[in-house]
Amino acid sequence: MSNHAETSHRAWRVVRPGPITGGPLELVEEAVPTPGSGELLVRVMACGVCRTDLHVAEGDLPVHRPRVVPGHEVVGEVVALGLDAVGFSPGDRVGIAWLRGTCGTCRFCARGAENLCARSVYTGWDADGGYAEYTTVPADYALALPDGYSDVELAPLLCAGIIGYRALLRADVPPGGRVGIYGFGASAHLAAQVAMARGAVVHVMTRSLRAQRLALELGAASAGGSADRPPEPLDSAILFAPVGDLVPPALEALDRGGTLAIAGIHLTDVPPLNYQRHLFQERQLRSVTANTRADAREFLQVAAEHPLQVTTTRYPLLRADAALADLAADAVDGAAVLTP
């Protein structure tokens, strides 16, 4: 392993999963982690704040690792290599995303659907993530990053961007199709830009007036309230808001043969659906489960070829708890990003 100067660092740990108003996170000072076999030690330069982090902190997701460090949109600098780690060198800028490991041998991994691997593990849930000054990542799951973006701009691409891209694929948008986007936060504002770059007409439904203005500035054809009917039938729709009540109006807005993809890892209960109004005429309802490394690399290539406007709100690492509280209150423009 290469040498590095620091021996201790600061990190936020989820010590009391529960409502963010109750202070579930605690800032600690502890030894810098040691990279295991095949791992990289990374100095964190920026870490995006994702709604999934909020679900981990508040206990919406079951505890996988007690006292875990959240954060899975990490941009950092490689400072040391564990035994047998290959593909990167000290000084390289790398990205760390949600998917941290899979078995590589099950039938899902064998067919290219490693995001469905039953033994998959995740950054900031099964292993410590990026709400810290240092973290580790298996070299096989670290991502090379495109030029042309700052560390702060890159961080949201590593989950918000990647999972939005996966949701866009799952929504099965036809060429020149009409896409409805429900909720317009970090992930949605990036997916919308990719959809428009590929020729789609985008309609945004969100309760936030600021988000509606941003959507129109980015080129959306319309922007209305979260349950409003879009001005034309949709070929595809993506639900980013974790609100099950929005599933029926999103399905009802679909044209014949349309597809609704639900992008989140957590969703409140979906109310009863009426078959004729919501599903008949071959409308489809799909979920999105994490992403594959292939999705990540493909999306980052898209980001390199089509520069994206990444709207961010910066917070110092020491205010990570405030960033999560603001996210819970829908008081963040674009994506919240922690910096040292």
Protein backbone atom coordinates (compact mmCIF):
# COMPACT_ATOMS: atom_id res chain seq x y z
CA MET A 1 0.00 0.00 0.00
CA SER A 2 1.21 3.55 -0.79
CA ASN A 3 1.86 5.92 2.11
CA HIS A 4 -0.38 8.86 2.95
CA ALA A 5 0.04 11.53 5.61
CA GLU A 6 -3.24 11.58 7.52
CA THR A 7 -3.93 9.12 10.34
CA SER A 8 -7.32 10.40 11.54
CA HIS A 9 -10.33 11.94 9.82
CA ARG A 10 -13.87 13.18 10.47
CA ALA A 11 -16.94 11.22 9.45
CA TRP A 12 -20.70 11.30 10.05
CA ARG A 13 -22.22 8.08 11.37
CA VAL A 14 -25.90 7.09 11.64
CA VAL A 15 -26.06 6.34 15.36
CA ARG A 16 -29.84 6.66 15.96
CA PRO A 17 -31.87 5.92 12.81
CA GLY A 18 -35.01 8.02 12.95
CA PRO A 19 -36.52 11.36 11.88
CA ILE A 20 -33.88 13.81 10.72
CA THR A 21 -35.25 16.35 13.21
CA GLY A 22 -34.14 13.98 15.98
CA GLY A 23 -30.48 14.09 15.00
CA PRO A 24 -29.80 10.54 13.77
CA LEU A 25 -26.24 11.42 12.64
CA GLU A 26 -23.21 12.08 14.79
CA LEU A 27 -19.88 13.61 13.70
CA VAL A 28 -16.93 11.53 14.93
CA GLU A 29 -13.16 11.64 14.60
CA GLU A 30 -11.56 8.27 13.99
CA ALA A 31 -8.70 6.49 12.24
CA VAL A 32 -8.49 6.81 8.47
CA PRO A 33 -9.77 3.52 6.99
CA THR A 34 -7.29 1.03 5.59
CA PRO A 35 -8.01 -0.26 2.08
CA GLY A 36 -8.53 -4.00 1.93
CA SER A 37 -7.38 -6.33 -0.81
CA GLY A 38 -8.46 -4.95 -4.18
CA GLU A 39 -9.58 -1.63 -2.66
CA LEU A 40 -8.60 2.00 -3.10
CA LEU A 41 -8.28 4.54 -0.31
CA VAL A 42 -9.84 7.79 -1.52
CA ARG A 43 -9.63 11.33 -0.15
CA VAL A 44 -13.15 12.73 -0.53
CA MET A 45 -13.27 15.97 -2.54
CA ALA A 46 -17.07 16.13 -2.88
CA CYS A 47 -20.03 13.95 -1.92
CA GLY A 48 -23.57 14.41 -3.18
CA VAL A 49 -26.47 14.26 -0.72
CA CYS A 50 -29.05 11.80 -2.01
CA ARG A 51 -32.60 11.07 -0.85
CA THR A 52 -31.45 7.48 -0.29
CA ASP A 53 -29.06 8.84 2.38
CA LEU A 54 -32.11 10.34 4.05
CA HIS A 55 -33.87 6.95 3.93
CA VAL A 56 -30.79 5.35 5.55
CA ALA A 57 -30.58 8.03 8.26
CA GLU A 58 -34.30 7.97 9.04
CA GLY A 59 -34.58 4.18 9.10
CA ASP A 60 -36.87 3.88 6.05
CA LEU A 61 -34.30 1.38 4.80
CA PRO A 62 -33.41 -1.42 7.23
CA VAL A 63 -30.03 -1.15 8.93
CA HIS A 64 -27.45 -3.18 7.03
CA ARG A 65 -24.36 -1.85 8.80
CA PRO A 66 -24.81 -0.35 12.26
CA ARG A 67 -23.32 3.15 12.57
CA VAL A 68 -22.75 3.36 8.84
CA VAL A 69 -21.26 6.45 7.16
CA PRO A 70 -23.78 7.48 4.47
CA GLY A 71 -22.95 8.89 1.06
CA HIS A 72 -22.62 7.26 -2.35
CA GLU A 73 -22.01 10.11 -4.79
CA VAL A 74 -18.31 10.46 -4.06
CA VAL A 75 -15.67 12.26 -6.09
CA GLY A 76 -12.21 11.83 -4.70
CA GLU A 77 -8.51 11.40 -5.20
CA VAL A 78 -6.85 8.00 -4.89
CA VAL A 79 -4.24 8.24 -2.12
CA ALA A 80 -3.39 4.57 -1.53
CA LEU A 81 -3.93 1.13 -3.02
CA GLY A 82 -4.69 -2.09 -1.18
CA LEU A 83 -3.04 -5.34 -2.16
CA ASP A 84 -3.95 -6.43 -5.73
CA ALA A 85 -5.86 -3.22 -6.51
CA VAL A 86 -5.41 -2.44 -10.19
CA GLY A 87 -6.68 0.05 -12.75
CA PHE A 88 -5.94 3.24 -10.79
CA SER A 89 -2.91 5.06 -9.38
CA PRO A 90 -2.40 7.54 -6.55
CA GLY A 91 -3.47 10.98 -7.72
CA ASP A 92 -6.24 9.71 -10.02
CA ARG A 93 -9.69 11.32 -9.71
CA VAL A 94 -12.33 8.61 -9.26
CA GLY A 95 -16.04 8.29 -8.66
CA ILE A 96 -17.72 6.05 -6.10
CA ALA A 97 -21.37 5.16 -6.74
CA TRP A 98 -24.15 3.24 -4.95
CA LEU A 99 -23.31 -0.25 -6.27
CA ARG A 100 -20.22 -1.46 -4.39
CA GLY A 101 -20.13 -5.21 -5.02
CA THR A 102 -21.89 -8.23 -6.53
CA CYS A 103 -21.21 -11.96 -6.52
CA GLY A 104 -20.38 -12.04 -10.24
CA THR A 105 -21.60 -15.63 -10.66
CA CYS A 106 -25.38 -15.77 -10.11
CA ARG A 107 -27.83 -15.93 -13.00
CA PHE A 108 -28.51 -12.19 -12.78
CA CYS A 109 -24.81 -11.28 -12.89
CA ALA A 110 -24.28 -13.76 -15.72
CA ARG A 111 -26.93 -12.08 -17.88
CA GLY A 112 -25.69 -8.55 -17.27
CA ALA A 113 -28.26 -7.65 -14.61
CA GLU A 114 -25.84 -7.33 -11.70
CA ASN A 115 -28.13 -4.71 -10.11
CA LEU A 116 -30.49 -7.61 -9.29
CA CYS A 117 -27.80 -9.76 -7.65
CA ALA A 118 -29.14 -11.06 -4.32
CA ARG A 119 -25.68 -10.62 -2.80
CA SER A 120 -25.14 -7.07 -4.03
CA VAL A 121 -23.79 -4.55 -1.52
CA TYR A 122 -24.04 -0.77 -1.51
CA THR A 123 -21.93 2.23 -0.57
CA GLY A 124 -23.27 4.11 2.43
CA TRP A 125 -25.58 1.25 3.44
CA ASP A 126 -23.54 -1.99 3.60
CA ALA A 127 -20.18 -0.19 3.77
CA ASP A 128 -19.05 3.26 4.87
CA GLY A 129 -19.55 5.98 2.30
CA GLY A 130 -18.57 9.54 1.57
CA TYR A 131 -19.88 11.70 4.44
CA ALA A 132 -16.28 11.68 5.58
CA GLU A 133 -12.82 12.94 4.69
CA TYR A 134 -11.65 9.50 3.52
CA THR A 135 -13.37 6.35 2.31
CA THR A 136 -12.57 3.13 0.44
CA VAL A 137 -13.94 1.47 -2.69
CA PRO A 138 -13.22 -1.80 -4.50
CA ALA A 139 -11.16 -0.83 -7.55
CA ASP A 140 -13.46 -2.91 -9.76
CA TYR A 141 -16.39 -0.65 -8.79
CA ALA A 142 -14.58 2.71 -8.95
CA LEU A 143 -15.43 4.87 -11.95
CA ALA A 144 -13.25 6.95 -14.24
CA LEU A 145 -14.72 10.44 -14.54
CA PRO A 146 -15.24 12.71 -17.55
CA ASP A 147 -13.34 15.97 -18.02
CA GLY A 148 -15.12 19.32 -18.18
CA TYR A 149 -16.84 19.15 -14.79
CA SER A 150 -15.74 20.31 -11.33
CA ASP A 151 -15.70 17.89 -8.40
CA VAL A 152 -18.94 19.47 -7.11
CA GLU A 153 -20.64 19.10 -10.50
CA LEU A 154 -19.50 15.49 -10.87
CA ALA A 155 -20.80 14.28 -7.50
CA PRO A 156 -24.54 14.31 -8.37
CA LEU A 157 -23.82 12.49 -11.63
CA LEU A 158 -22.73 9.44 -9.62
CA CYS A 159 -26.21 8.56 -8.37
CA ALA A 160 -28.71 11.20 -9.35
CA GLY A 161 -27.34 11.10 -12.89
CA ILE A 162 -26.78 7.37 -13.15
CA ILE A 163 -30.11 6.29 -11.64
CA GLY A 164 -31.94 8.91 -13.67
CA TYR A 165 -30.34 7.45 -16.77
CA ARG A 166 -31.36 3.94 -15.70
CA ALA A 167 -34.93 5.19 -15.14
CA LEU A 168 -34.91 6.79 -18.58
CA LEU A 169 -33.92 3.46 -20.11
CA ARG A 170 -36.64 1.67 -18.12
CA ALA A 171 -39.23 4.23 -19.28
CA ASP A 172 -38.67 3.01 -22.85
CA VAL A 173 -38.93 6.43 -24.50
CA PRO A 174 -39.64 6.16 -28.25
CA PRO A 175 -37.72 8.40 -30.70
CA GLY A 176 -39.06 11.93 -30.35
CA GLY A 177 -41.33 10.75 -27.54
CA ARG A 178 -43.23 12.76 -24.94
CA VAL A 179 -41.84 12.21 -21.43
CA GLY A 180 -43.46 13.21 -18.15
CA ILE A 181 -41.20 13.74 -15.14
CA TYR A 182 -42.82 13.75 -11.68
CA GLY A 183 -40.66 15.48 -9.09
CA PHE A 184 -37.76 17.66 -10.19
CA GLY A 185 -34.82 17.34 -7.84
CA ALA A 186 -31.22 16.27 -8.36
CA SER A 187 -31.90 13.17 -10.44
CA ALA A 188 -34.82 14.48 -12.46
CA HIS A 189 -33.10 17.66 -13.64
CA LEU A 190 -30.27 15.57 -15.11
CA ALA A 191 -32.50 12.89 -16.67
CA ALA A 192 -34.59 15.62 -18.29
CA GLN A 193 -31.52 17.07 -19.98
CA VAL A 194 -30.46 13.67 -21.32
CA ALA A 195 -33.99 13.04 -22.61
CA MET A 196 -34.07 16.41 -24.37
CA ALA A 197 -30.59 15.87 -25.83
CA ARG A 198 -31.99 12.69 -27.38
CA GLY A 199 -34.91 14.51 -28.96
CA ALA A 200 -37.69 13.92 -26.40
CA VAL A 201 -40.32 16.49 -25.42
CA VAL A 202 -40.30 16.80 -21.62
CA HIS A 203 -43.20 17.83 -19.37
CA VAL A 204 -42.45 18.34 -15.66
CA MET A 205 -44.87 17.94 -12.77
CA THR A 206 -43.58 19.14 -9.39
CA ARG A 207 -45.00 21.00 -6.38
CA SER A 208 -41.95 23.29 -6.12
CA LEU A 209 -42.33 26.59 -7.97
CA ARG A 210 -38.53 26.98 -8.00
CA ALA A 211 -38.20 23.56 -9.60
CA GLN A 212 -40.86 24.45 -12.15
CA ARG A 213 -38.86 27.56 -13.11
CA LEU A 214 -35.65 25.51 -13.39
CA ALA A 215 -37.39 22.95 -15.60
CA LEU A 216 -38.50 25.66 -18.02
CA GLU A 217 -35.02 27.24 -17.99
CA LEU A 218 -33.53 23.87 -18.94
CA GLY A 219 -35.89 23.52 -21.89
CA ALA A 220 -38.93 21.60 -20.63
CA ALA A 221 -42.03 22.10 -22.80
CA SER A 222 -44.20 22.65 -19.71
CA ALA A 223 -44.00 22.64 -15.93
CA GLY A 224 -47.00 22.24 -13.60
CA GLY A 225 -48.10 20.95 -10.22
CA SER A 226 -47.17 17.48 -8.99
CA ALA A 227 -50.50 15.84 -9.88
CA ASP A 228 -51.47 18.13 -12.77
CA ARG A 229 -52.44 16.64 -16.10
CA PRO A 230 -49.71 17.31 -18.71
CA PRO A 231 -50.82 19.25 -21.81
CA GLU A 232 -50.57 16.17 -24.05
CA PRO A 233 -50.65 12.38 -23.59
CA LEU A 234 -47.30 10.88 -22.57
CA ASP A 235 -45.39 8.05 -24.23
CA SER A 236 -43.30 7.59 -21.09
CA ALA A 237 -43.11 8.89 -17.55
CA ILE A 238 -40.66 8.73 -14.67
CA LEU A 239 -41.71 9.12 -11.04
CA PHE A 240 -38.80 10.59 -9.03
CA ALA A 241 -40.83 11.83 -6.06
CA PRO A 242 -41.12 9.03 -3.43
CA VAL A 243 -44.90 9.53 -3.32
CA GLY A 244 -47.10 6.53 -4.13
CA ASP A 245 -50.15 8.79 -4.52
CA LEU A 246 -48.64 10.08 -7.77
CA VAL A 247 -48.65 6.65 -9.44
CA PRO A 248 -52.34 6.77 -10.54
CA PRO A 249 -52.21 10.26 -12.11
CA ALA A 250 -48.91 9.41 -13.83
CA LEU A 251 -50.41 6.21 -15.29
CA GLU A 252 -53.58 8.04 -16.30
CA ALA A 253 -51.46 10.60 -18.19
CA LEU A 254 -49.91 7.87 -20.36
CA ASP A 255 -51.00 7.35 -23.94
CA ARG A 256 -51.74 3.81 -25.17
CA GLY A 257 -48.69 1.59 -24.76
CA GLY A 258 -46.98 4.08 -22.46
CA THR A 259 -44.56 3.15 -19.68
CA LEU A 260 -44.15 4.58 -16.17
CA ALA A 261 -40.81 3.93 -14.44
CA ILE A 262 -40.49 4.50 -10.68
CA ALA A 263 -36.95 5.68 -9.98
CA GLY A 264 -36.72 5.60 -6.18
CA ILE A 265 -35.49 2.92 -3.80
CA HIS A 266 -38.35 3.83 -1.42
CA LEU A 267 -41.97 4.75 -2.19
CA THR A 268 -44.96 5.40 0.02
CA ASP A 269 -47.89 3.05 -0.53
CA VAL A 270 -49.55 3.12 -3.93
CA PRO A 271 -53.33 3.62 -3.72
CA PRO A 272 -55.68 1.18 -5.50
CA LEU A 273 -55.47 1.29 -9.29
CA ASN A 274 -58.40 1.11 -11.66
CA TYR A 275 -57.52 -1.32 -14.44
CA GLN A 276 -59.43 0.52 -17.19
CA ARG A 277 -58.16 4.00 -16.29
CA HIS A 278 -54.59 3.20 -15.31
CA LEU A 279 -53.32 0.01 -16.95
CA PHE A 280 -55.51 -1.07 -19.84
CA GLN A 281 -54.34 -0.46 -23.43
CA GLU A 282 -50.95 -1.95 -22.60
CA ARG A 283 -49.72 0.71 -20.24
CA GLN A 284 -46.78 -0.58 -18.18
CA LEU A 285 -45.56 0.09 -14.64
CA ARG A 286 -41.88 -0.62 -13.94
CA SER A 287 -39.57 -0.25 -10.98
CA VAL A 288 -35.89 0.66 -11.06
CA THR A 289 -33.44 -1.24 -8.86
CA ALA A 290 -30.02 0.35 -8.53
CA ASN A 291 -27.85 0.36 -11.65
CA THR A 292 -25.18 -1.72 -13.31
CA ARG A 293 -21.60 -0.59 -13.81
CA ALA A 294 -22.36 -0.62 -17.53
CA ASP A 295 -25.16 1.90 -16.92
CA ALA A 296 -22.74 4.10 -14.99
CA ARG A 297 -20.04 4.05 -17.66
CA GLU A 298 -22.58 4.62 -20.43
CA PHE A 299 -24.13 7.59 -18.63
CA LEU A 300 -20.74 9.16 -17.86
CA GLN A 301 -19.89 8.87 -21.55
CA VAL A 302 -23.18 10.63 -22.38
CA ALA A 303 -22.23 13.36 -19.88
CA ALA A 304 -18.86 13.75 -21.60
CA GLU A 305 -20.48 14.11 -25.03
CA HIS A 306 -23.45 16.30 -23.97
CA PRO A 307 -22.37 18.79 -21.28
CA LEU A 308 -25.03 18.84 -18.58
CA GLN A 309 -26.04 21.83 -16.48
CA VAL A 310 -25.65 20.52 -12.94
CA THR A 311 -27.52 22.66 -10.42
CA THR A 312 -25.96 22.30 -6.97
CA THR A 313 -26.14 23.75 -3.47
CA ARG A 314 -22.88 23.42 -1.56
CA TYR A 315 -22.60 22.56 2.13
CA PRO A 316 -19.42 22.07 4.16
CA LEU A 317 -18.94 18.50 5.40
CA LEU A 318 -19.50 19.74 8.95
CA ARG A 319 -23.11 20.66 8.00
CA ALA A 320 -24.09 17.31 6.47
CA ASP A 321 -26.95 16.99 8.95
CA ALA A 322 -28.30 20.38 7.86
CA ALA A 323 -28.04 19.34 4.21
CA LEU A 324 -30.16 16.26 4.91
CA ALA A 325 -32.69 18.33 6.86
CA ASP A 326 -32.97 20.77 3.96
CA LEU A 327 -33.40 17.87 1.54
CA ALA A 328 -36.21 16.46 3.69
CA ALA A 329 -37.90 19.87 3.60
CA ASP A 330 -37.51 20.17 -0.20
CA ALA A 331 -35.41 23.29 0.41
CA VAL A 332 -32.48 22.40 -1.86
CA ASP A 333 -32.03 23.75 -5.38
CA GLY A 334 -30.79 20.94 -7.59
CA ALA A 335 -28.41 18.65 -5.72
CA ALA A 336 -26.86 19.25 -2.30
CA VAL A 337 -23.12 18.52 -2.30
CA LEU A 338 -20.76 18.25 0.69
CA THR A 339 -17.22 19.59 0.36
CA PRO A 340 -14.27 19.48 2.78
